[in-house]
């Protein structure tokens, strides 16, 4: 990826990792001037955010599997750190296990 593309989209990519609200803000920031680097990280974080919601509400609340939900939360946090470090370093580092799926599922972003 070109250095100018990374530099132009780096701020938006970093903002996308600041909770789901940051992801929404980054989505709208990237909507006017599509940047492939920012879009990559927005897709990664959108996937993590959706997994987090499913984990906390379905596993944690509806099914009452609190301990399993806590373990998954720790795993999602580790994946978040990997994605965030990739955005800060200017790399398109896919999140292990699900990064390819996130890129495919949210390819319209």
N, C-alpha and C. Protein backbone atom coordinates (compact mmCIF):
# COMPACT_ATOMS: atom_id res chain seq x y z
N UNK A 1 0.84 -1.17 0.00
CA UNK A 1 0.00 0.00 0.00
C UNK A 1 0.89 1.23 0.00
N UNK A 2 0.43 2.23 -0.71
CA UNK A 2 1.22 3.45 -0.83
C UNK A 2 1.28 4.19 0.49
N UNK A 3 2.39 4.85 0.72
CA UNK A 3 2.60 5.58 1.96
C UNK A 3 1.61 6.73 2.11
N UNK A 4 1.25 7.40 1.01
CA UNK A 4 0.30 8.51 1.10
C UNK A 4 -1.08 8.01 1.51
N UNK A 5 -1.49 6.86 1.02
CA UNK A 5 -2.79 6.29 1.40
C UNK A 5 -2.82 6.00 2.89
N UNK A 6 -1.75 5.43 3.41
CA UNK A 6 -1.67 5.12 4.84
C UNK A 6 -1.69 6.41 5.65
N UNK A 7 -0.88 7.39 5.27
CA UNK A 7 -0.82 8.64 6.02
C UNK A 7 -2.16 9.37 6.03
N UNK A 8 -2.86 9.36 4.90
CA UNK A 8 -4.15 10.04 4.82
C UNK A 8 -5.23 9.33 5.65
N UNK A 9 -5.16 8.02 5.75
CA UNK A 9 -6.20 7.27 6.45
C UNK A 9 -5.86 6.84 7.85
N UNK A 10 -4.66 7.16 8.31
CA UNK A 10 -4.20 6.68 9.62
C UNK A 10 -5.04 7.22 10.77
N UNK A 11 -5.36 8.49 10.75
CA UNK A 11 -6.15 9.08 11.84
C UNK A 11 -7.53 8.45 11.90
N UNK A 12 -8.16 8.28 10.75
CA UNK A 12 -9.48 7.66 10.71
C UNK A 12 -9.41 6.21 11.18
N UNK A 13 -8.36 5.51 10.80
CA UNK A 13 -8.19 4.11 11.22
C UNK A 13 -8.04 4.01 12.74
N UNK A 14 -7.27 4.91 13.33
CA UNK A 14 -7.08 4.90 14.78
C UNK A 14 -8.38 5.24 15.49
N UNK A 15 -9.11 6.24 14.98
CA UNK A 15 -10.38 6.62 15.59
C UNK A 15 -11.36 5.45 15.57
N UNK A 16 -11.31 4.62 14.54
CA UNK A 16 -12.24 3.50 14.44
C UNK A 16 -12.09 2.51 15.60
N UNK A 17 -10.94 2.48 16.23
CA UNK A 17 -10.72 1.54 17.34
C UNK A 17 -11.13 2.10 18.69
N UNK A 18 -11.69 3.31 18.73
CA UNK A 18 -12.11 3.90 20.00
C UNK A 18 -13.61 3.64 20.16
N UNK A 19 -13.97 2.52 20.68
CA UNK A 19 -15.33 2.04 20.92
C UNK A 19 -16.18 2.04 19.65
N UNK A 20 -17.40 1.62 19.78
CA UNK A 20 -18.30 1.56 18.63
C UNK A 20 -18.63 2.97 18.14
N UNK A 21 -18.64 3.93 19.02
CA UNK A 21 -18.90 5.32 18.62
C UNK A 21 -17.76 5.82 17.73
N UNK A 22 -16.54 5.48 18.07
CA UNK A 22 -15.40 5.83 17.22
C UNK A 22 -15.49 5.18 15.86
N UNK A 23 -15.99 3.94 15.83
CA UNK A 23 -16.16 3.25 14.55
C UNK A 23 -17.19 3.96 13.68
N UNK A 24 -18.28 4.40 14.30
CA UNK A 24 -19.32 5.13 13.56
C UNK A 24 -18.77 6.46 13.05
N UNK A 25 -18.04 7.18 13.89
CA UNK A 25 -17.44 8.45 13.47
C UNK A 25 -16.46 8.23 12.33
N UNK A 26 -15.62 7.20 12.45
CA UNK A 26 -14.64 6.90 11.40
C UNK A 26 -15.35 6.52 10.10
N UNK A 27 -16.47 5.81 10.20
CA UNK A 27 -17.23 5.44 9.01
C UNK A 27 -17.68 6.70 8.26
N UNK A 28 -18.23 7.66 8.98
CA UNK A 28 -18.69 8.89 8.34
C UNK A 28 -17.52 9.75 7.86
N UNK A 29 -16.41 9.75 8.58
CA UNK A 29 -15.23 10.48 8.12
C UNK A 29 -14.70 9.90 6.81
N UNK A 30 -14.78 8.58 6.69
CA UNK A 30 -14.25 7.90 5.52
C UNK A 30 -15.25 7.87 4.37
N UNK A 31 -16.49 8.20 4.65
CA UNK A 31 -17.54 8.14 3.65
C UNK A 31 -17.34 9.14 2.52
N UNK A 32 -16.86 10.33 2.85
CA UNK A 32 -16.69 11.37 1.83
C UNK A 32 -15.46 11.12 0.96
N UNK A 33 -14.37 10.73 1.58
CA UNK A 33 -13.13 10.45 0.83
C UNK A 33 -12.70 9.03 1.15
N UNK A 34 -13.15 8.09 0.36
CA UNK A 34 -12.83 6.68 0.61
C UNK A 34 -11.32 6.45 0.62
N UNK A 35 -10.84 5.95 1.73
CA UNK A 35 -9.44 5.60 1.89
C UNK A 35 -9.37 4.12 2.18
N UNK A 36 -8.64 3.37 1.39
CA UNK A 36 -8.61 1.91 1.53
C UNK A 36 -8.02 1.46 2.86
N UNK A 37 -7.03 2.19 3.36
CA UNK A 37 -6.43 1.83 4.65
C UNK A 37 -7.43 2.03 5.79
N UNK A 38 -8.11 3.16 5.80
CA UNK A 38 -9.11 3.43 6.84
C UNK A 38 -10.26 2.44 6.73
N UNK A 39 -10.71 2.15 5.52
CA UNK A 39 -11.81 1.19 5.32
C UNK A 39 -11.44 -0.19 5.86
N UNK A 40 -10.20 -0.59 5.64
CA UNK A 40 -9.73 -1.88 6.14
C UNK A 40 -9.91 -1.96 7.66
N UNK A 41 -9.45 -0.93 8.36
CA UNK A 41 -9.51 -0.96 9.83
C UNK A 41 -10.93 -0.75 10.35
N UNK A 42 -11.74 0.00 9.63
CA UNK A 42 -13.14 0.15 10.02
C UNK A 42 -13.84 -1.20 9.95
N UNK A 43 -13.58 -1.97 8.88
CA UNK A 43 -14.17 -3.31 8.75
C UNK A 43 -13.71 -4.23 9.88
N UNK A 44 -12.44 -4.16 10.24
CA UNK A 44 -11.92 -5.01 11.32
C UNK A 44 -12.61 -4.67 12.64
N UNK A 45 -12.71 -3.38 12.93
CA UNK A 45 -13.31 -2.97 14.21
C UNK A 45 -14.81 -3.19 14.23
N UNK A 46 -15.48 -3.04 13.11
CA UNK A 46 -16.92 -3.31 13.05
C UNK A 46 -17.18 -4.77 13.40
N UNK A 47 -16.37 -5.66 12.86
CA UNK A 47 -16.51 -7.07 13.19
C UNK A 47 -16.28 -7.36 14.66
N UNK A 48 -15.25 -6.74 15.23
CA UNK A 48 -14.97 -6.93 16.66
C UNK A 48 -16.11 -6.38 17.51
N UNK A 49 -16.65 -5.24 17.12
CA UNK A 49 -17.74 -4.64 17.88
C UNK A 49 -18.98 -5.52 17.86
N UNK A 50 -19.30 -6.05 16.70
CA UNK A 50 -20.47 -6.92 16.61
C UNK A 50 -20.27 -8.21 17.42
N UNK A 51 -19.07 -8.76 17.37
CA UNK A 51 -18.78 -9.94 18.19
C UNK A 51 -18.90 -9.64 19.68
N UNK A 52 -18.45 -8.47 20.06
CA UNK A 52 -18.54 -8.06 21.46
C UNK A 52 -20.00 -7.94 21.91
N UNK A 53 -20.84 -7.35 21.06
CA UNK A 53 -22.26 -7.24 21.39
C UNK A 53 -22.92 -8.62 21.51
N UNK A 54 -22.62 -9.48 20.56
CA UNK A 54 -23.18 -10.83 20.60
C UNK A 54 -22.71 -11.55 21.86
N UNK A 55 -21.44 -11.42 22.17
CA UNK A 55 -20.87 -12.07 23.34
C UNK A 55 -21.54 -11.59 24.63
N UNK A 56 -21.65 -10.29 24.79
CA UNK A 56 -22.16 -9.78 26.06
C UNK A 56 -23.66 -10.00 26.22
N UNK A 57 -24.43 -9.84 25.16
CA UNK A 57 -25.87 -9.97 25.31
C UNK A 57 -26.39 -11.38 25.17
N UNK A 58 -25.89 -12.12 24.20
CA UNK A 58 -26.42 -13.47 24.01
C UNK A 58 -25.81 -14.44 24.99
N UNK A 59 -24.48 -14.50 25.03
CA UNK A 59 -23.84 -15.45 25.95
C UNK A 59 -23.96 -15.02 27.40
N UNK A 60 -23.68 -13.75 27.65
CA UNK A 60 -23.64 -13.26 29.02
C UNK A 60 -25.00 -13.10 29.66
N UNK A 61 -25.94 -12.51 28.95
CA UNK A 61 -27.23 -12.18 29.56
C UNK A 61 -28.30 -13.24 29.27
N UNK A 62 -28.49 -13.58 28.01
CA UNK A 62 -29.59 -14.47 27.66
C UNK A 62 -29.34 -15.92 28.07
N UNK A 63 -28.13 -16.40 27.82
CA UNK A 63 -27.84 -17.80 28.13
C UNK A 63 -27.22 -17.99 29.51
N UNK A 64 -26.80 -16.90 30.14
CA UNK A 64 -26.23 -16.99 31.47
C UNK A 64 -24.88 -17.69 31.54
N UNK A 65 -24.12 -17.62 30.46
CA UNK A 65 -22.79 -18.25 30.44
C UNK A 65 -21.72 -17.20 30.75
N UNK A 66 -21.76 -16.67 31.95
CA UNK A 66 -20.90 -15.57 32.34
C UNK A 66 -19.42 -15.87 32.25
N UNK A 67 -18.98 -17.01 32.69
CA UNK A 67 -17.55 -17.33 32.69
C UNK A 67 -17.03 -17.47 31.26
N UNK A 68 -17.79 -18.11 30.39
CA UNK A 68 -17.40 -18.24 28.99
C UNK A 68 -17.36 -16.86 28.34
N UNK A 69 -18.33 -16.03 28.68
CA UNK A 69 -18.40 -14.68 28.14
C UNK A 69 -17.17 -13.86 28.56
N UNK A 70 -16.72 -14.03 29.78
CA UNK A 70 -15.53 -13.31 30.26
C UNK A 70 -14.28 -13.76 29.49
N UNK A 71 -14.15 -15.05 29.26
CA UNK A 71 -13.01 -15.57 28.51
C UNK A 71 -13.01 -15.04 27.08
N UNK A 72 -14.18 -15.02 26.45
CA UNK A 72 -14.28 -14.48 25.09
C UNK A 72 -13.98 -12.98 25.08
N UNK A 73 -14.42 -12.25 26.11
CA UNK A 73 -14.13 -10.82 26.21
C UNK A 73 -12.63 -10.57 26.26
N UNK A 74 -11.91 -11.36 27.01
CA UNK A 74 -10.45 -11.21 27.08
C UNK A 74 -9.84 -11.48 25.71
N UNK A 75 -10.32 -12.51 25.03
CA UNK A 75 -9.84 -12.82 23.68
C UNK A 75 -10.11 -11.70 22.70
N UNK A 76 -11.31 -11.11 22.78
CA UNK A 76 -11.65 -9.99 21.90
C UNK A 76 -10.79 -8.77 22.20
N UNK A 77 -10.45 -8.58 23.47
CA UNK A 77 -9.57 -7.46 23.83
C UNK A 77 -8.18 -7.65 23.23
N UNK A 78 -7.68 -8.86 23.25
CA UNK A 78 -6.37 -9.15 22.64
C UNK A 78 -6.43 -8.88 21.14
N UNK A 79 -7.52 -9.29 20.49
CA UNK A 79 -7.67 -9.03 19.06
C UNK A 79 -7.77 -7.53 18.78
N UNK A 80 -8.45 -6.80 19.68
CA UNK A 80 -8.54 -5.35 19.54
C UNK A 80 -7.15 -4.72 19.61
N UNK A 81 -6.32 -5.17 20.54
CA UNK A 81 -4.96 -4.64 20.68
C UNK A 81 -4.17 -4.89 19.39
N UNK A 82 -4.29 -6.08 18.83
CA UNK A 82 -3.58 -6.41 17.59
C UNK A 82 -4.01 -5.47 16.47
N UNK A 83 -5.31 -5.25 16.33
CA UNK A 83 -5.81 -4.35 15.29
C UNK A 83 -5.38 -2.92 15.52
N UNK A 84 -5.45 -2.46 16.75
CA UNK A 84 -5.07 -1.09 17.09
C UNK A 84 -3.60 -0.84 16.80
N UNK A 85 -2.76 -1.77 17.19
CA UNK A 85 -1.32 -1.63 16.93
C UNK A 85 -1.07 -1.59 15.43
N UNK A 86 -1.78 -2.40 14.66
CA UNK A 86 -1.64 -2.38 13.21
C UNK A 86 -2.01 -1.02 12.64
N UNK A 87 -3.07 -0.41 13.15
CA UNK A 87 -3.49 0.92 12.67
C UNK A 87 -2.44 1.97 13.02
N UNK A 88 -1.93 1.93 14.23
CA UNK A 88 -0.91 2.90 14.65
C UNK A 88 0.37 2.76 13.84
N UNK A 89 0.75 1.53 13.53
CA UNK A 89 1.98 1.29 12.77
C UNK A 89 1.79 1.46 11.27
N UNK A 90 0.57 1.69 10.83
CA UNK A 90 0.31 1.87 9.40
C UNK A 90 0.32 0.58 8.61
N UNK A 91 -0.08 -0.51 9.23
CA UNK A 91 -0.10 -1.81 8.58
C UNK A 91 -1.53 -2.32 8.45
N UNK A 92 -1.80 -3.04 7.39
CA UNK A 92 -3.07 -3.72 7.25
C UNK A 92 -2.94 -5.12 7.83
N UNK A 93 -2.87 -5.18 9.13
CA UNK A 93 -2.69 -6.44 9.84
C UNK A 93 -4.07 -7.02 10.16
N UNK A 94 -4.40 -8.14 9.53
CA UNK A 94 -5.71 -8.76 9.76
C UNK A 94 -5.75 -9.39 11.15
N UNK A 95 -6.89 -9.29 11.76
CA UNK A 95 -7.09 -9.88 13.08
C UNK A 95 -7.08 -11.40 12.92
N UNK A 96 -6.33 -12.11 13.76
CA UNK A 96 -6.27 -13.57 13.64
C UNK A 96 -7.67 -14.21 13.72
N UNK A 97 -7.83 -15.29 13.04
CA UNK A 97 -9.03 -16.12 12.99
C UNK A 97 -10.17 -15.51 12.17
N UNK A 98 -10.54 -14.26 12.41
CA UNK A 98 -11.74 -13.71 11.79
C UNK A 98 -11.49 -12.51 10.88
N UNK A 99 -10.27 -12.04 10.78
CA UNK A 99 -9.97 -10.86 9.98
C UNK A 99 -10.36 -11.00 8.52
N UNK A 100 -10.09 -12.16 7.93
CA UNK A 100 -10.48 -12.39 6.54
C UNK A 100 -12.00 -12.36 6.37
N UNK A 101 -12.70 -12.94 7.32
CA UNK A 101 -14.17 -12.96 7.26
C UNK A 101 -14.72 -11.54 7.39
N UNK A 102 -14.16 -10.73 8.29
CA UNK A 102 -14.62 -9.35 8.44
C UNK A 102 -14.45 -8.57 7.14
N UNK A 103 -13.32 -8.78 6.48
CA UNK A 103 -13.06 -8.08 5.21
C UNK A 103 -14.06 -8.49 4.15
N UNK A 104 -14.45 -9.76 4.17
CA UNK A 104 -15.41 -10.27 3.18
C UNK A 104 -16.83 -9.81 3.51
N UNK A 105 -17.22 -9.93 4.78
CA UNK A 105 -18.58 -9.60 5.17
C UNK A 105 -18.90 -8.12 4.98
N UNK A 106 -17.94 -7.27 5.27
CA UNK A 106 -18.18 -5.82 5.24
C UNK A 106 -17.47 -5.15 4.07
N UNK A 107 -17.33 -5.85 2.96
CA UNK A 107 -16.58 -5.31 1.83
C UNK A 107 -17.22 -4.08 1.21
N UNK A 108 -18.48 -3.81 1.49
CA UNK A 108 -19.11 -2.62 0.93
C UNK A 108 -18.72 -1.34 1.66
N UNK A 109 -18.03 -1.47 2.79
CA UNK A 109 -17.60 -0.29 3.56
C UNK A 109 -16.31 0.24 3.00
